[in-house]
Amino acid sequence: MDLAWIWKSAILVIAGMVLLRIAGRKSISQMSVATTVIMISIGTTIVQPLANNQLWTAIGSAAVFIITLIIIEFLQLKFDWFEKLMSGRSKVIIENGQIVQKNLRSIRMTVDQLEIRLRQNGIANISDVKTATIEPNGQVGYELMRHAKPVTVGELERILGLKPEATMEQSILFQEVSTNHHPTPIDPNLQ
């Protein structure tokens, strides 16, 4: 009985783990479209050598997939248009407590599905949401109306007179999505 498949399986698992570590935590946690395709490809590639006795070809293919992923992520950091092409942009789905039906339809999400996601984030009323977005990774981002926001330590200190009054800043995170204006990525070499 040939037990070579045992050590080959162990090598493939270890090689897969090393390659995924090289890909980085961001890639694994966010699962963008490119990452998902590459992870599926790696899974398929890793299983094949057990049947075909092509262990090093499978590891080499998986390495090429990871290198491709790293190049794609680098290009997304450098070029905003490439990031938009590969990952997409956030879509506003609630604005001033009202559902933006057109955007909800464009992402093929029902109101019931939206309500499920809002409840999972502890939001009971759509009218309490100033702005909500569906992010490229499928998560819901939101900003609550002023009356629905929890009190922060800084606000409590101001209420109790322990800290001078400060001006309320408007959230720039949702302005970026609403205006479809994205600042040019910062070049890490200039920092």
C-alpha atoms as a PDB file:
ATOM      1  CA  MET A   1       0.000   0.000   0.000  1.00  0.00           C
ATOM      2  CA  ASP A   2       1.450   3.342  -1.122  1.00  0.00           C
ATOM      3  CA  LEU A   3       1.292   5.921   1.663  1.00  0.00           C
ATOM      4  CA  ALA A   4       3.053   8.698  -0.284  1.00  0.00           C
ATOM      5  CA  TRP A   5      -0.229  10.602  -0.464  1.00  0.00           C
ATOM      6  CA  ILE A   6       0.033  11.275   3.290  1.00  0.00           C
ATOM      7  CA  TRP A   7       3.302  13.210   3.135  1.00  0.00           C
ATOM      8  CA  LYS A   8       2.244  14.864  -0.143  1.00  0.00           C
ATOM      9  CA  SER A   9      -0.960  16.071   1.529  1.00  0.00           C
ATOM     10  CA  ALA A  10       1.019  17.400   4.487  1.00  0.00           C
ATOM     11  CA  ILE A  11       3.439  19.243   2.172  1.00  0.00           C
ATOM     12  CA  LEU A  12       0.525  20.754   0.213  1.00  0.00           C
ATOM     13  CA  VAL A  13      -1.175  21.988   3.396  1.00  0.00           C
ATOM     14  CA  ILE A  14       2.067  23.509   4.711  1.00  0.00           C
ATOM     15  CA  ALA A  15       2.863  25.089   1.319  1.00  0.00           C
ATOM     16  CA  GLY A  16      -0.686  26.464   1.134  1.00  0.00           C
ATOM     17  CA  MET A  17      -0.383  27.982   4.619  1.00  0.00           C
ATOM     18  CA  VAL A  18       2.999  29.561   3.821  1.00  0.00           C
ATOM     19  CA  LEU A  19       1.676  31.005   0.555  1.00  0.00           C
ATOM     20  CA  LEU A  20      -1.402  32.421   2.277  1.00  0.00           C
ATOM     21  CA  ARG A  21       0.836  34.033   4.921  1.00  0.00           C
ATOM     22  CA  ILE A  22       2.812  35.630   2.075  1.00  0.00           C
ATOM     23  CA  ALA A  23      -0.496  36.897   0.611  1.00  0.00           C
ATOM     24  CA  GLY A  24      -1.093  38.688   3.920  1.00  0.00           C
ATOM     25  CA  ARG A  25      -3.876  38.974   6.472  1.00  0.00           C
ATOM     26  CA  LYS A  26      -5.681  41.730   4.568  1.00  0.00           C
ATOM     27  CA  SER A  27      -6.189  39.409   1.633  1.00  0.00           C
ATOM     28  CA  ILE A  28      -7.570  36.589   3.722  1.00  0.00           C
ATOM     29  CA  SER A  29      -9.877  38.722   5.845  1.00  0.00           C
ATOM     30  CA  GLN A  30     -11.425  40.877   3.125  1.00  0.00           C
ATOM     31  CA  MET A  31     -11.874  38.310   0.361  1.00  0.00           C
ATOM     32  CA  SER A  32     -12.154  40.668  -2.583  1.00  0.00           C
ATOM     33  CA  VAL A  33     -13.176  39.297  -5.977  1.00  0.00           C
ATOM     34  CA  ALA A  34      -9.540  38.725  -6.960  1.00  0.00           C
ATOM     35  CA  THR A  35      -8.770  37.057  -3.638  1.00  0.00           C
ATOM     36  CA  THR A  36     -11.805  34.785  -3.874  1.00  0.00           C
ATOM     37  CA  VAL A  37     -10.889  33.635  -7.396  1.00  0.00           C
ATOM     38  CA  ILE A  38      -7.297  32.974  -6.370  1.00  0.00           C
ATOM     39  CA  MET A  39      -8.284  31.106  -3.189  1.00  0.00           C
ATOM     40  CA  ILE A  40     -10.654  28.873  -5.176  1.00  0.00           C
ATOM     41  CA  SER A  41      -7.893  28.303  -7.742  1.00  0.00           C
ATOM     42  CA  ILE A  42      -5.410  27.399  -5.022  1.00  0.00           C
ATOM     43  CA  GLY A  43      -7.890  24.961  -3.462  1.00  0.00           C
ATOM     44  CA  THR A  44      -8.485  23.278  -6.802  1.00  0.00           C
ATOM     45  CA  THR A  45      -4.779  23.218  -7.626  1.00  0.00           C
ATOM     46  CA  ILE A  46      -3.781  21.761  -4.274  1.00  0.00           C
ATOM     47  CA  VAL A  47      -6.166  18.806  -4.589  1.00  0.00           C
ATOM     48  CA  GLN A  48      -5.092  17.829  -8.129  1.00  0.00           C
ATOM     49  CA  PRO A  49      -1.522  16.624  -7.425  1.00  0.00           C
ATOM     50  CA  LEU A  50      -2.697  13.849  -5.159  1.00  0.00           C
ATOM     51  CA  ALA A  51      -4.414  12.248  -8.123  1.00  0.00           C
ATOM     52  CA  ASN A  52      -1.820  13.206 -10.763  1.00  0.00           C
ATOM     53  CA  ASN A  53       1.485  12.934  -8.824  1.00  0.00           C
ATOM     54  CA  GLN A  54       2.446  16.527  -9.704  1.00  0.00           C
ATOM     55  CA  LEU A  55       3.255  17.929  -6.266  1.00  0.00           C
ATOM     56  CA  TRP A  56       5.807  20.586  -7.273  1.00  0.00           C
ATOM     57  CA  THR A  57       3.708  21.782 -10.209  1.00  0.00           C
ATOM     58  CA  ALA A  58       0.799  22.375  -7.814  1.00  0.00           C
ATOM     59  CA  ILE A  59       2.986  24.296  -5.350  1.00  0.00           C
ATOM     60  CA  GLY A  60       4.439  26.332  -8.236  1.00  0.00           C
ATOM     61  CA  SER A  61       0.952  27.114  -9.555  1.00  0.00           C
ATOM     62  CA  ALA A  62      -0.229  28.180  -6.106  1.00  0.00           C
ATOM     63  CA  ALA A  63       2.851  30.419  -5.798  1.00  0.00           C
ATOM     64  CA  VAL A  64       2.029  32.041  -9.171  1.00  0.00           C
ATOM     65  CA  PHE A  65      -1.526  32.676  -7.925  1.00  0.00           C
ATOM     66  CA  ILE A  66      -0.235  34.369  -4.767  1.00  0.00           C
ATOM     67  CA  ILE A  67       2.291  36.471  -6.723  1.00  0.00           C
ATOM     68  CA  THR A  68      -0.545  37.541  -9.038  1.00  0.00           C
ATOM     69  CA  LEU A  69      -2.663  38.483  -6.016  1.00  0.00           C
ATOM     70  CA  ILE A  70       0.187  40.555  -4.535  1.00  0.00           C
ATOM     71  CA  ILE A  71       0.680  42.361  -7.876  1.00  0.00           C
ATOM     72  CA  ILE A  72      -3.069  43.074  -8.120  1.00  0.00           C
ATOM     73  CA  GLU A  73      -3.130  44.449  -4.562  1.00  0.00           C
ATOM     74  CA  PHE A  74      -0.052  46.596  -5.272  1.00  0.00           C
ATOM     75  CA  LEU A  75      -1.684  48.020  -8.419  1.00  0.00           C
ATOM     76  CA  GLN A  76      -4.856  48.730  -6.428  1.00  0.00           C
ATOM     77  CA  LEU A  77      -2.779  50.746  -3.959  1.00  0.00           C
ATOM     78  CA  LYS A  78      -1.065  52.716  -6.727  1.00  0.00           C
ATOM     79  CA  PHE A  79      -3.970  53.354  -9.122  1.00  0.00           C
ATOM     80  CA  ASP A  80      -7.448  54.370  -7.995  1.00  0.00           C
ATOM     81  CA  TRP A  81      -8.991  53.391 -11.373  1.00  0.00           C
ATOM     82  CA  PHE A  82      -7.497  49.895 -11.045  1.00  0.00           C
ATOM     83  CA  GLU A  83      -8.908  49.520  -7.532  1.00  0.00           C
ATOM     84  CA  LYS A  84     -12.332  50.575  -8.808  1.00  0.00           C
ATOM     85  CA  LEU A  85     -12.064  48.106 -11.697  1.00  0.00           C
ATOM     86  CA  MET A  86     -11.003  45.167  -9.507  1.00  0.00           C
ATOM     87  CA  SER A  87     -12.907  45.807  -6.266  1.00  0.00           C
ATOM     88  CA  GLY A  88     -15.706  48.196  -7.135  1.00  0.00           C
ATOM     89  CA  ARG A  89     -16.879  51.074  -4.993  1.00  0.00           C
ATOM     90  CA  SER A  90     -19.169  51.460  -2.040  1.00  0.00           C
ATOM     91  CA  LYS A  91     -22.818  52.202  -2.836  1.00  0.00           C
ATOM     92  CA  VAL A  92     -25.032  54.426  -0.716  1.00  0.00           C
ATOM     93  CA  ILE A  93     -28.157  52.436   0.195  1.00  0.00           C
ATOM     94  CA  ILE A  94     -29.634  54.705   2.885  1.00  0.00           C
ATOM     95  CA  GLU A  95     -29.492  58.485   2.834  1.00  0.00           C
ATOM     96  CA  ASN A  96     -31.042  60.645   5.575  1.00  0.00           C
ATOM     97  CA  GLY A  97     -33.125  57.750   6.881  1.00  0.00           C
ATOM     98  CA  GLN A  98     -34.509  56.829   3.435  1.00  0.00           C
ATOM     99  CA  ILE A  99     -33.635  53.739   1.406  1.00  0.00           C
ATOM    100  CA  VAL A 100     -32.063  54.509  -1.966  1.00  0.00           C
ATOM    101  CA  GLN A 101     -34.085  51.974  -3.973  1.00  0.00           C
ATOM    102  CA  LYS A 102     -32.131  52.482  -7.212  1.00  0.00           C
ATOM    103  CA  ASN A 103     -28.832  51.546  -5.557  1.00  0.00           C
ATOM    104  CA  LEU A 104     -30.417  48.674  -3.651  1.00  0.00           C
ATOM    105  CA  ARG A 105     -31.719  47.224  -6.935  1.00  0.00           C
ATOM    106  CA  SER A 106     -28.357  47.727  -8.657  1.00  0.00           C
ATOM    107  CA  ILE A 107     -26.659  45.487  -6.087  1.00  0.00           C
ATOM    108  CA  ARG A 108     -29.575  43.012  -6.206  1.00  0.00           C
ATOM    109  CA  MET A 109     -30.426  43.326  -2.518  1.00  0.00           C
ATOM    110  CA  THR A 110     -33.945  43.253  -1.132  1.00  0.00           C
ATOM    111  CA  VAL A 111     -35.200  45.509   1.660  1.00  0.00           C
ATOM    112  CA  ASP A 112     -35.546  42.400   3.840  1.00  0.00           C
ATOM    113  CA  GLN A 113     -31.875  41.520   3.278  1.00  0.00           C
ATOM    114  CA  LEU A 114     -30.903  45.108   4.135  1.00  0.00           C
ATOM    115  CA  GLU A 115     -32.994  44.992   7.310  1.00  0.00           C
ATOM    116  CA  ILE A 116     -31.275  41.751   8.354  1.00  0.00           C
ATOM    117  CA  ARG A 117     -27.865  43.380   8.010  1.00  0.00           C
ATOM    118  CA  LEU A 118     -28.988  46.477   9.900  1.00  0.00           C
ATOM    119  CA  ARG A 119     -30.367  44.383  12.768  1.00  0.00           C
ATOM    120  CA  GLN A 120     -27.071  42.472  12.911  1.00  0.00           C
ATOM    121  CA  ASN A 121     -25.406  45.851  13.490  1.00  0.00           C
ATOM    122  CA  GLY A 122     -27.850  46.715  16.303  1.00  0.00           C
ATOM    123  CA  ILE A 123     -29.910  49.178  14.264  1.00  0.00           C
ATOM    124  CA  ALA A 124     -33.654  48.971  14.937  1.00  0.00           C
ATOM    125  CA  ASN A 125     -34.971  51.773  12.703  1.00  0.00           C
ATOM    126  CA  ILE A 126     -33.953  52.758   9.190  1.00  0.00           C
ATOM    127  CA  SER A 127     -34.933  56.322  10.089  1.00  0.00           C
ATOM    128  CA  ASP A 128     -32.069  56.338  12.642  1.00  0.00           C
ATOM    129  CA  VAL A 129     -29.510  55.872   9.857  1.00  0.00           C
ATOM    130  CA  LYS A 130     -28.051  59.032   8.341  1.00  0.00           C
ATOM    131  CA  THR A 131     -26.011  57.165   5.710  1.00  0.00           C
ATOM    132  CA  ALA A 132     -25.466  53.480   5.015  1.00  0.00           C
ATOM    133  CA  THR A 133     -23.324  51.896   2.341  1.00  0.00           C
ATOM    134  CA  ILE A 134     -22.644  48.452   0.987  1.00  0.00           C
ATOM    135  CA  GLU A 135     -18.874  48.148   0.831  1.00  0.00           C
ATOM    136  CA  PRO A 136     -17.002  46.249  -1.913  1.00  0.00           C
ATOM    137  CA  ASN A 137     -16.450  43.385   0.546  1.00  0.00           C
ATOM    138  CA  GLY A 138     -20.231  43.111   1.102  1.00  0.00           C
ATOM    139  CA  GLN A 139     -20.256  44.610   4.608  1.00  0.00           C
ATOM    140  CA  VAL A 140     -22.623  47.413   5.644  1.00  0.00           C
ATOM    141  CA  GLY A 141     -21.055  50.696   6.704  1.00  0.00           C
ATOM    142  CA  TYR A 142     -23.287  53.207   8.467  1.00  0.00           C
ATOM    143  CA  GLU A 143     -23.463  56.527  10.273  1.00  0.00           C
ATOM    144  CA  LEU A 144     -26.326  57.115  12.676  1.00  0.00           C
ATOM    145  CA  MET A 145     -28.418  60.268  12.894  1.00  0.00           C
ATOM    146  CA  ARG A 146     -27.339  62.619  15.656  1.00  0.00           C
ATOM    147  CA  HIS A 147     -30.285  61.615  17.908  1.00  0.00           C
ATOM    148  CA  ALA A 148     -29.466  57.902  17.542  1.00  0.00           C
ATOM    149  CA  LYS A 149     -25.713  58.056  18.210  1.00  0.00           C
ATOM    150  CA  PRO A 150     -24.445  56.758  21.521  1.00  0.00           C
ATOM    151  CA  VAL A 151     -22.835  59.368  23.756  1.00  0.00           C
ATOM    152  CA  THR A 152     -19.030  59.297  23.612  1.00  0.00           C
ATOM    153  CA  VAL A 153     -16.738  60.014  26.544  1.00  0.00           C
ATOM    154  CA  GLY A 154     -15.774  63.325  24.907  1.00  0.00           C
ATOM    155  CA  GLU A 155     -19.409  64.405  24.573  1.00  0.00           C
ATOM    156  CA  LEU A 156     -20.127  63.379  28.157  1.00  0.00           C
ATOM    157  CA  GLU A 157     -17.173  65.452  29.361  1.00  0.00           C
ATOM    158  CA  ARG A 158     -18.519  68.463  27.429  1.00  0.00           C
ATOM    159  CA  ILE A 159     -22.017  67.954  28.886  1.00  0.00           C
ATOM    160  CA  LEU A 160     -20.601  67.804  32.411  1.00  0.00           C
ATOM    161  CA  GLY A 161     -18.482  70.901  31.726  1.00  0.00           C
ATOM    162  CA  LEU A 162     -15.175  69.038  32.058  1.00  0.00           C
ATOM    163  CA  LYS A 163     -14.095  69.912  28.528  1.00  0.00           C
ATOM    164  CA  PRO A 164     -14.604  73.030  26.381  1.00  0.00           C
ATOM    165  CA  GLU A 165     -17.224  72.943  23.583  1.00  0.00           C
ATOM    166  CA  ALA A 166     -15.865  71.578  20.311  1.00  0.00           C
ATOM    167  CA  THR A 167     -17.307  71.805  16.825  1.00  0.00           C
ATOM    168  CA  MET A 168     -18.948  68.723  15.358  1.00  0.00           C
ATOM    169  CA  GLU A 169     -17.033  67.464  12.341  1.00  0.00           C
ATOM    170  CA  GLN A 170     -18.924  65.982   9.419  1.00  0.00           C
ATOM    171  CA  SER A 171     -17.944  62.446   8.509  1.00  0.00           C
ATOM    172  CA  ILE A 172     -15.680  62.436   5.463  1.00  0.00           C
ATOM    173  CA  LEU A 173     -15.913  58.671   5.068  1.00  0.00           C
ATOM    174  CA  PHE A 174     -19.451  58.839   3.721  1.00  0.00           C
ATOM    175  CA  GLN A 175     -18.858  62.086   1.807  1.00  0.00           C
ATOM    176  CA  GLU A 176     -16.298  60.187  -0.256  1.00  0.00           C
ATOM    177  CA  VAL A 177     -18.910  57.605  -1.265  1.00  0.00           C
ATOM    178  CA  SER A 178     -21.687  60.170  -1.880  1.00  0.00           C
ATOM    179  CA  THR A 179     -19.555  62.434  -4.062  1.00  0.00           C
ATOM    180  CA  ASN A 180     -17.714  59.529  -5.735  1.00  0.00           C
ATOM    181  CA  HIS A 181     -14.471  61.412  -5.124  1.00  0.00           C
ATOM    182  CA  HIS A 182     -11.571  59.383  -3.837  1.00  0.00           C
ATOM    183  CA  PRO A 183      -8.309  61.058  -2.854  1.00  0.00           C
ATOM    184  CA  THR A 184      -5.180  59.901  -4.622  1.00  0.00           C
ATOM    185  CA  PRO A 185      -3.559  57.036  -2.710  1.00  0.00           C
ATOM    186  CA  ILE A 186      -0.572  58.037  -0.604  1.00  0.00           C
ATOM    187  CA  ASP A 187       2.742  56.802  -1.944  1.00  0.00           C
ATOM    188  CA  PRO A 188       4.361  54.840   0.909  1.00  0.00           C
ATOM    189  CA  ASN A 189       7.804  55.792  -0.443  1.00  0.00           C
ATOM    190  CA  LEU A 190       7.100  59.471   0.274  1.00  0.00           C
ATOM    191  CA  GLN A 191       6.349  58.950   3.968  1.00  0.00           C
END
